[in-house]
Amino acid sequence: MKRFLLILSVIALLASAPAAGAAPARTWESIELTAADNDSPLDVRVNVREGYVYVTVSRRTPVKLFTILGQTVSQTELPAGTSRLRVGARGIYILKAGDTTVRITL
C-alpha cells in the first residue's frame, strides 16, 4: 500500500511540473509610466531591440503577442507608458494592442 501511495505521489508531482523544454512564463516590465488620458485616441508604438519588444501606449491597453502560428506568447493589459517583454526565441510574431496589429521580426 505504501508503494502504491508513493507511485501516486510521484505521478502527481510529475503532472504538476512544467514539461521539459517548456517556455518560461513571460511577463511585461514597465519601463516608463505616463499619465493616462482616456479621452485621447490610442497611440501605439512598437520597437524591437536585443531580444526585447518595447511597446509604448498612450493609455491603458490590452496587449496580446502571438507566434506566427497563432500560439499566445503573452496576454496582458499594459499601463500608459513604455513596457518591454523579453522574447526568448527568434522568429516572426504578431502583436495586437487595442485595435492596432503589428508584425514583429526578431
PDB file of N, CA and C in Angstrom:
ATOM      1  N   MET A   1       0.825  -1.191   0.000  1.00  0.00           N
ATOM      2  CA  MET A   1       0.000   0.000   0.000  1.00  0.00           C
ATOM      3  C   MET A   1       0.871   1.257   0.000  1.00  0.00           C
ATOM      4  N   LYS A   2       1.960   1.242   0.799  1.00  0.00           N
ATOM      5  CA  LYS A   2       2.854   2.396   0.839  1.00  0.00           C
ATOM      6  C   LYS A   2       3.498   2.624  -0.519  1.00  0.00           C
ATOM      7  N   ARG A   3       3.835   1.529  -1.192  1.00  0.00           N
ATOM      8  CA  ARG A   3       4.462   1.641  -2.507  1.00  0.00           C
ATOM      9  C   ARG A   3       3.485   2.280  -3.497  1.00  0.00           C
ATOM     10  N   PHE A   4       2.223   1.877  -3.435  1.00  0.00           N
ATOM     11  CA  PHE A   4       1.197   2.425  -4.299  1.00  0.00           C
ATOM     12  C   PHE A   4       1.023   3.927  -4.067  1.00  0.00           C
ATOM     13  N   LEU A   5       1.006   4.365  -2.808  1.00  0.00           N
ATOM     14  CA  LEU A   5       0.869   5.789  -2.475  1.00  0.00           C
ATOM     15  C   LEU A   5       2.085   6.576  -2.935  1.00  0.00           C
ATOM     16  N   LEU A   6       3.262   5.967  -2.841  1.00  0.00           N
ATOM     17  CA  LEU A   6       4.474   6.620  -3.308  1.00  0.00           C
ATOM     18  C   LEU A   6       4.415   6.833  -4.811  1.00  0.00           C
ATOM     19  N   ILE A   7       3.965   5.833  -5.545  1.00  0.00           N
ATOM     20  CA  ILE A   7       3.842   5.950  -7.001  1.00  0.00           C
ATOM     21  C   ILE A   7       2.829   7.035  -7.354  1.00  0.00           C
ATOM     22  N   LEU A   8       1.703   7.082  -6.666  1.00  0.00           N
ATOM     23  CA  LEU A   8       0.712   8.135  -6.915  1.00  0.00           C
ATOM     24  C   LEU A   8       1.279   9.516  -6.625  1.00  0.00           C
ATOM     25  N   SER A   9       2.077   9.652  -5.579  1.00  0.00           N
ATOM     26  CA  SER A   9       2.690  10.934  -5.236  1.00  0.00           C
ATOM     27  C   SER A   9       3.650  11.381  -6.328  1.00  0.00           C
ATOM     28  N   VAL A  10       4.440  10.446  -6.844  1.00  0.00           N
ATOM     29  CA  VAL A  10       5.393  10.774  -7.917  1.00  0.00           C
ATOM     30  C   VAL A  10       4.651  11.178  -9.179  1.00  0.00           C
ATOM     31  N   ILE A  11       3.578  10.476  -9.514  1.00  0.00           N
ATOM     32  CA  ILE A  11       2.788  10.823 -10.699  1.00  0.00           C
ATOM     33  C   ILE A  11       2.182  12.215 -10.540  1.00  0.00           C
ATOM     34  N   ALA A  12       1.660  12.535  -9.377  1.00  0.00           N
ATOM     35  CA  ALA A  12       1.075  13.864  -9.137  1.00  0.00           C
ATOM     36  C   ALA A  12       2.133  14.948  -9.241  1.00  0.00           C
ATOM     37  N   LEU A  13       3.328  14.673  -8.728  1.00  0.00           N
ATOM     38  CA  LEU A  13       4.417  15.641  -8.798  1.00  0.00           C
ATOM     39  C   LEU A  13       4.836  15.880 -10.239  1.00  0.00           C
ATOM     40  N   LEU A  14       4.966  14.827 -11.019  1.00  0.00           N
ATOM     41  CA  LEU A  14       5.345  14.964 -12.423  1.00  0.00           C
ATOM     42  C   LEU A  14       4.275  15.680 -13.225  1.00  0.00           C
ATOM     43  N   ALA A  15       3.029  15.434 -12.920  1.00  0.00           N
ATOM     44  CA  ALA A  15       1.934  16.082 -13.643  1.00  0.00           C
ATOM     45  C   ALA A  15       1.890  17.579 -13.369  1.00  0.00           C
ATOM     46  N   SER A  16       2.304  17.998 -12.183  1.00  0.00           N
ATOM     47  CA  SER A  16       2.253  19.423 -11.844  1.00  0.00           C
ATOM     48  C   SER A  16       3.486  20.180 -12.297  1.00  0.00           C
ATOM     49  N   ALA A  17       4.569  19.477 -12.636  1.00  0.00           N
ATOM     50  CA  ALA A  17       5.804  20.131 -13.080  1.00  0.00           C
ATOM     51  C   ALA A  17       5.660  20.544 -14.534  1.00  0.00           C
ATOM     52  N   PRO A  18       6.315  21.665 -14.941  1.00  0.00           N
ATOM     53  CA  PRO A  18       6.265  22.067 -16.336  1.00  0.00           C
ATOM     54  C   PRO A  18       6.993  21.050 -17.200  1.00  0.00           C
ATOM     55  N   ALA A  19       6.537  20.914 -18.420  1.00  0.00           N
ATOM     56  CA  ALA A  19       7.142  19.955 -19.342  1.00  0.00           C
ATOM     57  C   ALA A  19       8.575  20.357 -19.654  1.00  0.00           C
ATOM     58  N   ALA A  20       9.417  19.364 -19.906  1.00  0.00           N
ATOM     59  CA  ALA A  20      10.812  19.639 -20.248  1.00  0.00           C
ATOM     60  C   ALA A  20      10.856  20.458 -21.523  1.00  0.00           C
ATOM     61  N   GLY A  21      11.628  21.517 -21.517  1.00  0.00           N
ATOM     62  CA  GLY A  21      11.745  22.377 -22.683  1.00  0.00           C
ATOM     63  C   GLY A  21      10.615  23.374 -22.827  1.00  0.00           C
ATOM     64  N   ALA A  22       9.695  23.412 -21.875  1.00  0.00           N
ATOM     65  CA  ALA A  22       8.583  24.361 -21.945  1.00  0.00           C
ATOM     66  C   ALA A  22       9.112  25.773 -21.755  1.00  0.00           C
ATOM     67  N   ALA A  23       8.517  26.700 -22.489  1.00  0.00           N
ATOM     68  CA  ALA A  23       8.941  28.095 -22.409  1.00  0.00           C
ATOM     69  C   ALA A  23       8.577  28.671 -21.046  1.00  0.00           C
ATOM     70  N   PRO A  24       9.470  29.477 -20.449  1.00  0.00           N
ATOM     71  CA  PRO A  24       9.145  30.087 -19.168  1.00  0.00           C
ATOM     72  C   PRO A  24       8.047  31.137 -19.337  1.00  0.00           C
ATOM     73  N   ALA A  25       7.326  31.397 -18.272  1.00  0.00           N
ATOM     74  CA  ALA A  25       6.279  32.419 -18.318  1.00  0.00           C
ATOM     75  C   ALA A  25       6.912  33.767 -18.639  1.00  0.00           C
ATOM     76  N   ARG A  26       6.273  34.505 -19.489  1.00  0.00           N
ATOM     77  CA  ARG A  26       6.803  35.798 -19.906  1.00  0.00           C
ATOM     78  C   ARG A  26       5.983  36.894 -19.244  1.00  0.00           C
ATOM     79  N   THR A  27       6.675  37.877 -18.679  1.00  0.00           N
ATOM     80  CA  THR A  27       5.986  38.986 -18.038  1.00  0.00           C
ATOM     81  C   THR A  27       6.506  40.302 -18.586  1.00  0.00           C
ATOM     82  N   TRP A  28       5.631  41.260 -18.696  1.00  0.00           N
ATOM     83  CA  TRP A  28       5.974  42.589 -19.164  1.00  0.00           C
ATOM     84  C   TRP A  28       6.564  43.386 -18.019  1.00  0.00           C
ATOM     85  N   GLU A  29       7.560  44.210 -18.319  1.00  0.00           N
ATOM     86  CA  GLU A  29       8.164  45.119 -17.350  1.00  0.00           C
ATOM     87  C   GLU A  29       7.790  46.543 -17.741  1.00  0.00           C
ATOM     88  N   SER A  30       7.334  47.343 -16.790  1.00  0.00           N
ATOM     89  CA  SER A  30       7.079  48.755 -17.060  1.00  0.00           C
ATOM     90  C   SER A  30       8.400  49.497 -17.016  1.00  0.00           C
ATOM     91  N   ILE A  31       8.715  50.188 -18.087  1.00  0.00           N
ATOM     92  CA  ILE A  31       9.968  50.934 -18.190  1.00  0.00           C
ATOM     93  C   ILE A  31       9.736  52.389 -17.821  1.00  0.00           C
ATOM     94  N   GLU A  32       8.667  52.958 -18.364  1.00  0.00           N
ATOM     95  CA  GLU A  32       8.364  54.374 -18.129  1.00  0.00           C
ATOM     96  C   GLU A  32       6.851  54.530 -18.102  1.00  0.00           C
ATOM     97  N   LEU A  33       6.325  55.009 -17.005  1.00  0.00           N
ATOM     98  CA  LEU A  33       4.887  55.226 -16.887  1.00  0.00           C
ATOM     99  C   LEU A  33       4.562  56.682 -17.179  1.00  0.00           C
ATOM    100  N   THR A  34       3.418  56.915 -17.798  1.00  0.00           N
ATOM    101  CA  THR A  34       2.971  58.281 -18.067  1.00  0.00           C
ATOM    102  C   THR A  34       1.522  58.415 -17.619  1.00  0.00           C
ATOM    103  N   ALA A  35       1.087  59.650 -17.472  1.00  0.00           N
ATOM    104  CA  ALA A  35      -0.314  59.901 -17.091  1.00  0.00           C
ATOM    105  C   ALA A  35      -1.215  59.500 -18.249  1.00  0.00           C
ATOM    106  N   ALA A  36      -2.281  58.782 -17.954  1.00  0.00           N
ATOM    107  CA  ALA A  36      -3.203  58.319 -18.988  1.00  0.00           C
ATOM    108  C   ALA A  36      -4.294  59.352 -19.225  1.00  0.00           C
ATOM    109  N   ASP A  37      -4.581  59.593 -20.486  1.00  0.00           N
ATOM    110  CA  ASP A  37      -5.685  60.469 -20.874  1.00  0.00           C
ATOM    111  C   ASP A  37      -6.659  59.603 -21.655  1.00  0.00           C
ATOM    112  N   ASN A  38      -7.719  59.146 -20.993  1.00  0.00           N
ATOM    113  CA  ASN A  38      -8.646  58.209 -21.608  1.00  0.00           C
ATOM    114  C   ASN A  38      -9.465  58.791 -22.745  1.00  0.00           C
ATOM    115  N   ASP A  39      -9.491  60.129 -22.879  1.00  0.00           N
ATOM    116  CA  ASP A  39     -10.261  60.753 -23.949  1.00  0.00           C
ATOM    117  C   ASP A  39      -9.472  60.848 -25.250  1.00  0.00           C
ATOM    118  N   SER A  40      -8.136  60.720 -25.179  1.00  0.00           N
ATOM    119  CA  SER A  40      -7.324  60.851 -26.385  1.00  0.00           C
ATOM    120  C   SER A  40      -7.349  59.547 -27.179  1.00  0.00           C
ATOM    121  N   PRO A  41      -7.133  59.628 -28.500  1.00  0.00           N
ATOM    122  CA  PRO A  41      -7.085  58.403 -29.296  1.00  0.00           C
ATOM    123  C   PRO A  41      -5.869  57.566 -28.891  1.00  0.00           C
ATOM    124  N   LEU A  42      -5.975  56.268 -29.055  1.00  0.00           N
ATOM    125  CA  LEU A  42      -4.902  55.360 -28.663  1.00  0.00           C
ATOM    126  C   LEU A  42      -3.721  55.517 -29.613  1.00  0.00           C
ATOM    127  N   ASP A  43      -2.549  55.756 -29.046  1.00  0.00           N
ATOM    128  CA  ASP A  43      -1.310  55.858 -29.802  1.00  0.00           C
ATOM    129  C   ASP A  43      -0.441  54.679 -29.393  1.00  0.00           C
ATOM    130  N   VAL A  44      -0.034  53.856 -30.371  1.00  0.00           N
ATOM    131  CA  VAL A  44       0.772  52.665 -30.102  1.00  0.00           C
ATOM    132  C   VAL A  44       2.059  52.746 -30.916  1.00  0.00           C
ATOM    133  N   ARG A  45       3.192  52.554 -30.217  1.00  0.00           N
ATOM    134  CA  ARG A  45       4.488  52.471 -30.897  1.00  0.00           C
ATOM    135  C   ARG A  45       5.177  51.190 -30.455  1.00  0.00           C
ATOM    136  N   VAL A  46       5.758  50.480 -31.408  1.00  0.00           N
ATOM    137  CA  VAL A  46       6.422  49.208 -31.129  1.00  0.00           C
ATOM    138  C   VAL A  46       7.845  49.262 -31.663  1.00  0.00           C
ATOM    139  N   ASN A  47       8.805  48.886 -30.814  1.00  0.00           N
ATOM    140  CA  ASN A  47      10.212  48.791 -31.206  1.00  0.00           C
ATOM    141  C   ASN A  47      10.746  47.437 -30.777  1.00  0.00           C
ATOM    142  N   VAL A  48      11.726  46.930 -31.508  1.00  0.00           N
ATOM    143  CA  VAL A  48      12.379  45.668 -31.163  1.00  0.00           C
ATOM    144  C   VAL A  48      13.873  45.939 -31.066  1.00  0.00           C
ATOM    145  N   ARG A  49      14.467  45.562 -29.906  1.00  0.00           N
ATOM    146  CA  ARG A  49      15.914  45.731 -29.702  1.00  0.00           C
ATOM    147  C   ARG A  49      16.421  44.620 -28.810  1.00  0.00           C
ATOM    148  N   GLU A  50      17.486  43.962 -29.251  1.00  0.00           N
ATOM    149  CA  GLU A  50      18.226  42.995 -28.437  1.00  0.00           C
ATOM    150  C   GLU A  50      17.323  41.954 -27.765  1.00  0.00           C
ATOM    151  N   GLY A  51      16.366  41.407 -28.490  1.00  0.00           N
ATOM    152  CA  GLY A  51      15.502  40.360 -27.952  1.00  0.00           C
ATOM    153  C   GLY A  51      14.332  40.855 -27.128  1.00  0.00           C
ATOM    154  N   TYR A  52      14.173  42.164 -27.000  1.00  0.00           N
ATOM    155  CA  TYR A  52      13.046  42.744 -26.260  1.00  0.00           C
ATOM    156  C   TYR A  52      12.070  43.380 -27.247  1.00  0.00           C
ATOM    157  N   VAL A  53      10.801  43.307 -26.907  1.00  0.00           N
ATOM    158  CA  VAL A  53       9.759  44.034 -27.629  1.00  0.00           C
ATOM    159  C   VAL A  53       9.336  45.178 -26.720  1.00  0.00           C
ATOM    160  N   TYR A  54       9.513  46.413 -27.177  1.00  0.00           N
ATOM    161  CA  TYR A  54       9.129  47.604 -26.425  1.00  0.00           C
ATOM    162  C   TYR A  54       7.819  48.123 -27.004  1.00  0.00           C
ATOM    163  N   VAL A  55       6.838  48.339 -26.140  1.00  0.00           N
ATOM    164  CA  VAL A  55       5.541  48.854 -26.566  1.00  0.00           C
ATOM    165  C   VAL A  55       5.240  50.109 -25.762  1.00  0.00           C
ATOM    166  N   THR A  56       4.960  51.192 -26.473  1.00  0.00           N
ATOM    167  CA  THR A  56       4.573  52.446 -25.841  1.00  0.00           C
ATOM    168  C   THR A  56       3.122  52.719 -26.206  1.00  0.00           C
ATOM    169  N   VAL A  57       2.283  52.879 -25.185  1.00  0.00           N
ATOM    170  CA  VAL A  57       0.869  53.166 -25.410  1.00  0.00           C
ATOM    171  C   VAL A  57       0.492  54.433 -24.646  1.00  0.00           C
ATOM    172  N   SER A  58      -0.483  55.171 -25.192  1.00  0.00           N
ATOM    173  CA  SER A  58      -0.872  56.444 -24.588  1.00  0.00           C
ATOM    174  C   SER A  58      -1.878  56.285 -23.448  1.00  0.00           C
ATOM    175  N   ARG A  59      -2.484  55.106 -23.342  1.00  0.00           N
ATOM    176  CA  ARG A  59      -3.408  54.835 -22.238  1.00  0.00           C
ATOM    177  C   ARG A  59      -3.444  53.328 -21.984  1.00  0.00           C
ATOM    178  N   ARG A  60      -4.061  52.940 -20.885  1.00  0.00           N
ATOM    179  CA  ARG A  60      -4.142  51.520 -20.509  1.00  0.00           C
ATOM    180  C   ARG A  60      -4.739  50.735 -21.673  1.00  0.00           C
ATOM    181  N   THR A  61      -4.032  49.673 -22.101  1.00  0.00           N
ATOM    182  CA  THR A  61      -4.401  48.963 -23.320  1.00  0.00           C
ATOM    183  C   THR A  61      -4.200  47.455 -23.182  1.00  0.00           C
ATOM    184  N   PRO A  62      -5.168  46.656 -23.637  1.00  0.00           N
ATOM    185  CA  PRO A  62      -4.941  45.209 -23.675  1.00  0.00           C
ATOM    186  C   PRO A  62      -3.961  44.869 -24.805  1.00  0.00           C
ATOM    187  N   VAL A  63      -2.988  44.012 -24.506  1.00  0.00           N
ATOM    188  CA  VAL A  63      -1.952  43.649 -25.479  1.00  0.00           C
ATOM    189  C   VAL A  63      -1.834  42.132 -25.523  1.00  0.00           C
ATOM    190  N   LYS A  64      -1.748  41.592 -26.745  1.00  0.00           N
ATOM    191  CA  LYS A  64      -1.540  40.159 -26.945  1.00  0.00           C
ATOM    192  C   LYS A  64      -0.375  39.985 -27.915  1.00  0.00           C
ATOM    193  N   LEU A  65       0.489  39.018 -27.621  1.00  0.00           N
ATOM    194  CA  LEU A  65       1.602  38.686 -28.506  1.00  0.00           C
ATOM    195  C   LEU A  65       1.444  37.233 -28.905  1.00  0.00           C
ATOM    196  N   PHE A  66       1.448  36.974 -30.218  1.00  0.00           N
ATOM    197  CA  PHE A  66       1.261  35.639 -30.760  1.00  0.00           C
ATOM    198  C   PHE A  66       2.463  35.235 -31.610  1.00  0.00           C
ATOM    199  N   THR A  67       2.700  33.933 -31.709  1.00  0.00           N
ATOM    200  CA  THR A  67       3.649  33.441 -32.707  1.00  0.00           C
ATOM    201  C   THR A  67       2.954  33.529 -34.055  1.00  0.00           C
ATOM    202  N   ILE A  68       3.710  33.338 -35.116  1.00  0.00           N
ATOM    203  CA  ILE A  68       3.125  33.390 -36.457  1.00  0.00           C
ATOM    204  C   ILE A  68       2.124  32.245 -36.651  1.00  0.00           C
ATOM    205  N   LEU A  69       2.232  31.198 -35.814  1.00  0.00           N
ATOM    206  CA  LEU A  69       1.307  30.063 -35.891  1.00  0.00           C
ATOM    207  C   LEU A  69       0.046  30.273 -35.057  1.00  0.00           C
ATOM    208  N   GLY A  70      -0.041  31.420 -34.377  1.00  0.00           N
ATOM    209  CA  GLY A  70      -1.229  31.746 -33.610  1.00  0.00           C
ATOM    210  C   GLY A  70      -1.189  31.342 -32.147  1.00  0.00           C
ATOM    211  N   GLN A  71      -0.056  30.834 -31.669  1.00  0.00           N
ATOM    212  CA  GLN A  71       0.057  30.468 -30.257  1.00  0.00           C
ATOM    213  C   GLN A  71       0.293  31.728 -29.430  1.00  0.00           C
ATOM    214  N   THR A  72      -0.419  31.867 -28.317  1.00  0.00           N
ATOM    215  CA  THR A  72      -0.282  33.039 -27.464  1.00  0.00           C
ATOM    216  C   THR A  72       1.025  32.964 -26.683  1.00  0.00           C
ATOM    217  N   VAL A  73       1.843  34.011 -26.798  1.00  0.00           N
ATOM    218  CA  VAL A  73       3.091  34.128 -26.045  1.00  0.00           C
ATOM    219  C   VAL A  73       2.834  34.908 -24.768  1.00  0.00           C
ATOM    220  N   SER A  74       2.058  35.993 -24.885  1.00  0.00           N
ATOM    221  CA  SER A  74       1.753  36.834 -23.735  1.00  0.00           C
ATOM    222  C   SER A  74       0.425  37.540 -23.971  1.00  0.00           C
ATOM    223  N   GLN A  75      -0.323  37.717 -22.887  1.00  0.00           N
ATOM    224  CA  GLN A  75      -1.589  38.435 -22.948  1.00  0.00           C
ATOM    225  C   GLN A  75      -1.755  39.188 -21.638  1.00  0.00           C
ATOM    226  N   THR A  76      -1.858  40.516 -21.720  1.00  0.00           N
ATOM    227  CA  THR A  76      -1.982  41.331 -20.514  1.00  0.00           C
ATOM    228  C   THR A  76      -2.580  42.684 -20.862  1.00  0.00           C
ATOM    229  N   GLU A  77      -2.744  43.515 -19.854  1.00  0.00           N
ATOM    230  CA  GLU A  77      -3.177  44.894 -20.054  1.00  0.00           C
ATOM    231  C   GLU A  77      -2.039  45.788 -19.587  1.00  0.00           C
ATOM    232  N   LEU A  78      -1.486  46.579 -20.499  1.00  0.00           N
ATOM    233  CA  LEU A  78      -0.345  47.437 -20.182  1.00  0.00           C
ATOM    234  C   LEU A  78      -0.811  48.809 -19.728  1.00  0.00           C
ATOM    235  N   PRO A  79      -0.103  49.410 -18.763  1.00  0.00           N
ATOM    236  CA  PRO A  79      -0.427  50.784 -18.343  1.00  0.00           C
ATOM    237  C   PRO A  79       0.084  51.775 -19.386  1.00  0.00           C
ATOM    238  N   ALA A  80      -0.380  53.007 -19.297  1.00  0.00           N
ATOM    239  CA  ALA A  80       0.116  54.044 -20.197  1.00  0.00           C
ATOM    240  C   ALA A  80       1.619  54.223 -19.968  1.00  0.00           C
ATOM    241  N   GLY A  81       2.369  54.335 -21.045  1.00  0.00           N
ATOM    242  CA  GLY A  81       3.818  54.468 -20.960  1.00  0.00           C
ATOM    243  C   GLY A  81       4.497  53.385 -21.777  1.00  0.00           C
ATOM    244  N   THR A  82       5.748  53.104 -21.438  1.00  0.00           N
ATOM    245  CA  THR A  82       6.538  52.124 -22.175  1.00  0.00           C
ATOM    246  C   THR A  82       6.759  50.883 -21.326  1.00  0.00           C
ATOM    247  N   SER A  83       6.521  49.735 -21.927  1.00  0.00           N
ATOM    248  CA  SER A  83       6.743  48.440 -21.274  1.00  0.00           C
ATOM    249  C   SER A  83       7.559  47.578 -22.223  1.00  0.00           C
ATOM    250  N   ARG A  84       8.243  46.565 -21.658  1.00  0.00           N
ATOM    251  CA  ARG A  84       9.021  45.684 -22.521  1.00  0.00           C
ATOM    252  C   ARG A  84       8.811  44.232 -22.124  1.00  0.00           C
ATOM    253  N   LEU A  85       8.998  43.358 -23.107  1.00  0.00           N
ATOM    254  CA  LEU A  85       8.858  41.923 -22.909  1.00  0.00           C
ATOM    255  C   LEU A  85      10.058  41.246 -23.531  1.00  0.00           C
ATOM    256  N   ARG A  86      10.717  40.393 -22.765  1.00  0.00           N
ATOM    257  CA  ARG A  86      11.838  39.611 -23.279  1.00  0.00           C
ATOM    258  C   ARG A  86      11.270  38.405 -24.015  1.00  0.00           C
ATOM    259  N   VAL A  87      11.582  38.298 -25.297  1.00  0.00           N
ATOM    260  CA  VAL A  87      11.125  37.164 -26.098  1.00  0.00           C
ATOM    261  C   VAL A  87      12.346  36.289 -26.347  1.00  0.00           C
ATOM    262  N   GLY A  88      12.299  35.052 -25.876  1.00  0.00           N
ATOM    263  CA  GLY A  88      13.456  34.173 -25.916  1.00  0.00           C
ATOM    264  C   GLY A  88      13.819  33.654 -27.289  1.00  0.00           C
ATOM    265  N   ALA A  89      12.851  33.390 -28.132  1.00  0.00           N
ATOM    266  CA  ALA A  89      13.129  32.751 -29.419  1.00  0.00           C
ATOM    267  C   ALA A  89      13.010  33.746 -30.562  1.00  0.00           C
ATOM    268  N   ARG A  90      13.911  33.601 -31.515  1.00  0.00           N
ATOM    269  CA  ARG A  90      13.826  34.433 -32.711  1.00  0.00           C
ATOM    270  C   ARG A  90      12.682  33.932 -33.573  1.00  0.00           C
ATOM    271  N   GLY A  91      12.134  34.826 -34.370  1.00  0.00           N
ATOM    272  CA  GLY A  91      11.049  34.431 -35.258  1.00  0.00           C
ATOM    273  C   GLY A  91      10.163  35.606 -35.605  1.00  0.00           C
ATOM    274  N   ILE A  92       9.014  35.291 -36.153  1.00  0.00           N
ATOM    275  CA  ILE A  92       8.038  36.302 -36.548  1.00  0.00           C
ATOM    276  C   ILE A  92       6.873  36.220 -35.569  1.00  0.00           C
ATOM    277  N   TYR A  93       6.467  37.372 -35.047  1.00  0.00           N
ATOM    278  CA  TYR A  93       5.394  37.452 -34.059  1.00  0.00           C
ATOM    279  C   TYR A  93       4.360  38.474 -34.516  1.00  0.00           C
ATOM    280  N   ILE A  94       3.167  38.353 -33.986  1.00  0.00           N
ATOM    281  CA  ILE A  94       2.093  39.314 -34.225  1.00  0.00           C
ATOM    282  C   ILE A  94       1.722  39.929 -32.882  1.00  0.00           C
ATOM    283  N   LEU A  95       1.760  41.264 -32.803  1.00  0.00           N
ATOM    284  CA  LEU A  95       1.391  41.968 -31.579  1.00  0.00           C
ATOM    285  C   LEU A  95       0.100  42.728 -31.843  1.00  0.00           C
ATOM    286  N   LYS A  96      -0.876  42.527 -30.978  1.00  0.00           N
ATOM    287  CA  LYS A  96      -2.153  43.238 -31.073  1.00  0.00           C
ATOM    288  C   LYS A  96      -2.307  44.085 -29.832  1.00  0.00           C
ATOM    289  N   ALA A  97      -2.364  45.402 -30.006  1.00  0.00           N
ATOM    290  CA  ALA A  97      -2.541  46.352 -28.908  1.00  0.00           C
ATOM    291  C   ALA A  97      -3.772  47.192 -29.227  1.00  0.00           C
ATOM    292  N   GLY A  98      -4.849  46.954 -28.494  1.00  0.00           N
ATOM    293  CA  GLY A  98      -6.104  47.651 -28.804  1.00  0.00           C
ATOM    294  C   GLY A  98      -6.572  47.224 -30.181  1.00  0.00           C
ATOM    295  N   ASP A  99      -6.780  48.186 -31.071  1.00  0.00           N
ATOM    296  CA  ASP A  99      -7.199  47.890 -32.447  1.00  0.00           C
ATOM    297  C   ASP A  99      -6.010  47.838 -33.409  1.00  0.00           C
ATOM    298  N   THR A 100      -4.803  48.032 -32.909  1.00  0.00           N
ATOM    299  CA  THR A 100      -3.603  48.055 -33.745  1.00  0.00           C
ATOM    300  C   THR A 100      -2.952  46.672 -33.777  1.00  0.00           C
ATOM    301  N   THR A 101      -2.587  46.218 -34.966  1.00  0.00           N
ATOM    302  CA  THR A 101      -1.897  44.935 -35.126  1.00  0.00           C
ATOM    303  C   THR A 101      -0.595  45.191 -35.850  1.00  0.00           C
ATOM    304  N   VAL A 102       0.503  44.640 -35.299  1.00  0.00           N
ATOM    305  CA  VAL A 102       1.844  44.874 -35.834  1.00  0.00           C
ATOM    306  C   VAL A 102       2.566  43.539 -36.012  1.00  0.00           C
ATOM    307  N   ARG A 103       3.271  43.375 -37.124  1.00  0.00           N
ATOM    308  CA  ARG A 103       4.105  42.205 -37.351  1.00  0.00           C
ATOM    309  C   ARG A 103       5.497  42.524 -36.813  1.00  0.00           C
ATOM    310  N   ILE A 104       6.075  41.604 -36.036  1.00  0.00           N
ATOM    311  CA  ILE A 104       7.378  41.819 -35.428  1.00  0.00           C
ATOM    312  C   ILE A 104       8.322  40.704 -35.855  1.00  0.00           C
ATOM    313  N   THR A 105       9.538  41.071 -36.225  1.00  0.00           N
ATOM    314  CA  THR A 105      10.563  40.086 -36.567  1.00  0.00           C
ATOM    315  C   THR A 105      11.720  40.226 -35.600  1.00  0.00           C
ATOM    316  N   LEU A 106      12.077  39.133 -34.945  1.00  0.00           N
ATOM    317  CA  LEU A 106      13.219  39.115 -34.021  1.00  0.00           C
ATOM    318  C   LEU A 106      14.349  38.335 -34.639  1.00  0.00           C
TER     319      LEU A 106
END
